[in-house]
Protein backbone atom coordinates (compact mmCIF):
# COMPACT_ATOMS: atom_id res chain seq x y z
CA MET A 1 0.14 -0.06 0.02
CA ASP A 2 1.21 3.54 -0.79
CA GLU A 3 2.40 5.03 2.49
CA HIS A 4 0.92 8.42 1.25
CA TYR A 5 -2.67 7.35 1.94
CA ILE A 6 -1.61 6.04 5.51
CA GLN A 7 0.21 9.23 6.09
CA GLU A 8 -2.91 11.36 5.26
CA ILE A 9 -5.04 9.14 7.61
CA ILE A 10 -2.53 9.22 10.46
CA ASN A 11 -1.87 12.77 10.14
CA GLU A 12 -5.62 13.73 10.29
CA TRP A 13 -5.83 11.45 13.41
CA ASN A 14 -2.74 13.16 14.92
CA PRO A 15 -2.67 10.55 17.79
CA ILE A 16 -0.37 12.51 20.04
CA GLU A 17 -1.83 15.69 19.13
CA ILE A 18 1.41 17.41 17.80
CA GLU A 19 0.89 20.98 17.12
CA PRO A 20 2.05 22.28 14.60
CA LEU A 21 2.04 18.82 12.85
CA VAL A 22 4.72 18.52 10.24
CA ASP A 23 3.82 16.40 7.17
CA ASP A 24 6.45 13.64 7.99
CA GLU A 25 5.93 13.79 11.71
CA TYR A 26 4.80 10.03 11.96
CA SER A 27 6.81 8.76 8.98
CA PHE A 28 8.63 5.99 11.00
CA GLU A 29 5.27 4.59 12.37
CA ILE A 30 3.65 4.91 8.90
CA LYS A 31 6.47 2.71 7.64
CA LEU A 32 5.81 0.15 10.28
CA ILE A 33 2.18 0.18 9.63
CA SER A 34 2.88 -0.17 5.83
CA LYS A 35 5.25 -2.95 6.41
CA PHE A 36 2.69 -4.84 8.53
CA ILE A 37 0.04 -4.34 5.88
CA ASN A 38 2.47 -5.70 3.11
CA GLU A 39 3.39 -8.69 5.20
CA GLN A 40 -0.33 -9.61 5.86
CA GLN A 41 -1.54 -9.02 2.41
CA ASN A 42 -4.75 -11.00 1.87
CA GLU A 43 -4.90 -12.18 5.50
CA LEU A 44 -5.19 -8.55 6.78
CA LYS A 45 -8.15 -8.03 9.20
CA ILE A 46 -9.22 -4.84 10.69
CA PRO A 47 -8.91 -5.97 14.42
CA ALA A 48 -5.20 -7.13 13.71
CA LEU A 49 -4.45 -3.81 12.10
CA LYS A 50 -6.03 -1.88 15.00
CA ASP A 51 -3.93 -3.83 17.52
CA LYS A 52 -0.77 -3.35 15.35
CA ILE A 53 -1.56 0.52 15.15
CA ASN A 54 -1.95 0.66 19.03
CA GLU A 55 1.21 -1.41 19.59
CA ILE A 56 3.27 0.84 17.34
CA PHE A 57 2.13 4.09 18.82
CA ILE A 58 2.56 2.74 22.45
CA ASN A 59 6.08 1.58 21.60
CA GLU A 60 7.08 4.76 20.09
CA PHE A 61 5.11 7.38 22.33
CA GLU A 62 4.47 5.40 25.47
CA ARG A 63 4.34 8.39 27.72
CA PHE A 64 2.08 10.37 25.13
CA PHE A 65 -0.13 7.63 23.72
CA THR A 66 -2.36 5.02 25.54
CA LYS A 67 -4.40 2.29 23.70
CA SER A 68 -6.87 4.26 21.57
CA ASN A 69 -10.48 3.08 20.96
CA GLU A 70 -10.30 5.49 17.90
CA SER A 71 -7.58 3.21 16.33
CA ILE A 72 -10.41 0.90 15.05
CA ASN A 73 -11.77 3.71 12.99
CA ILE A 74 -8.30 4.40 11.79
CA ALA A 75 -7.75 0.85 10.68
CA LYS A 76 -11.08 0.77 8.83
CA LYS A 77 -10.02 4.00 6.96
CA ILE A 78 -6.59 2.48 6.14
CA MET A 79 -8.18 -0.79 5.05
CA ASP A 80 -10.72 1.21 2.88
CA ALA A 81 -7.87 3.11 1.22
CA SER A 82 -6.04 -0.07 0.48
CA VAL A 83 -8.86 -1.46 -1.32
CA LYS A 84 -9.75 1.62 -3.16
CA PHE A 85 -6.16 2.26 -4.33
CA LYS A 86 -4.88 -1.33 -5.03
């Protein structure tokens, strides 16, 4: 999946509320999400993607991010974008 679409979704979410947000602020996390999606390919499910998103952001921003219920919506948006732009 093109990381550009993931970047748009994650930046819109801005999970640790960075202000002002730089376009590539979450680039490392986006690469990890993209890698996970590419590894899963046809086996990718929304709950697994949600869990991975939470895991990535907890690992990278443990003091600023706690497991988010909103990550299920982010996972759905990413899945929708991946289907739309395959």
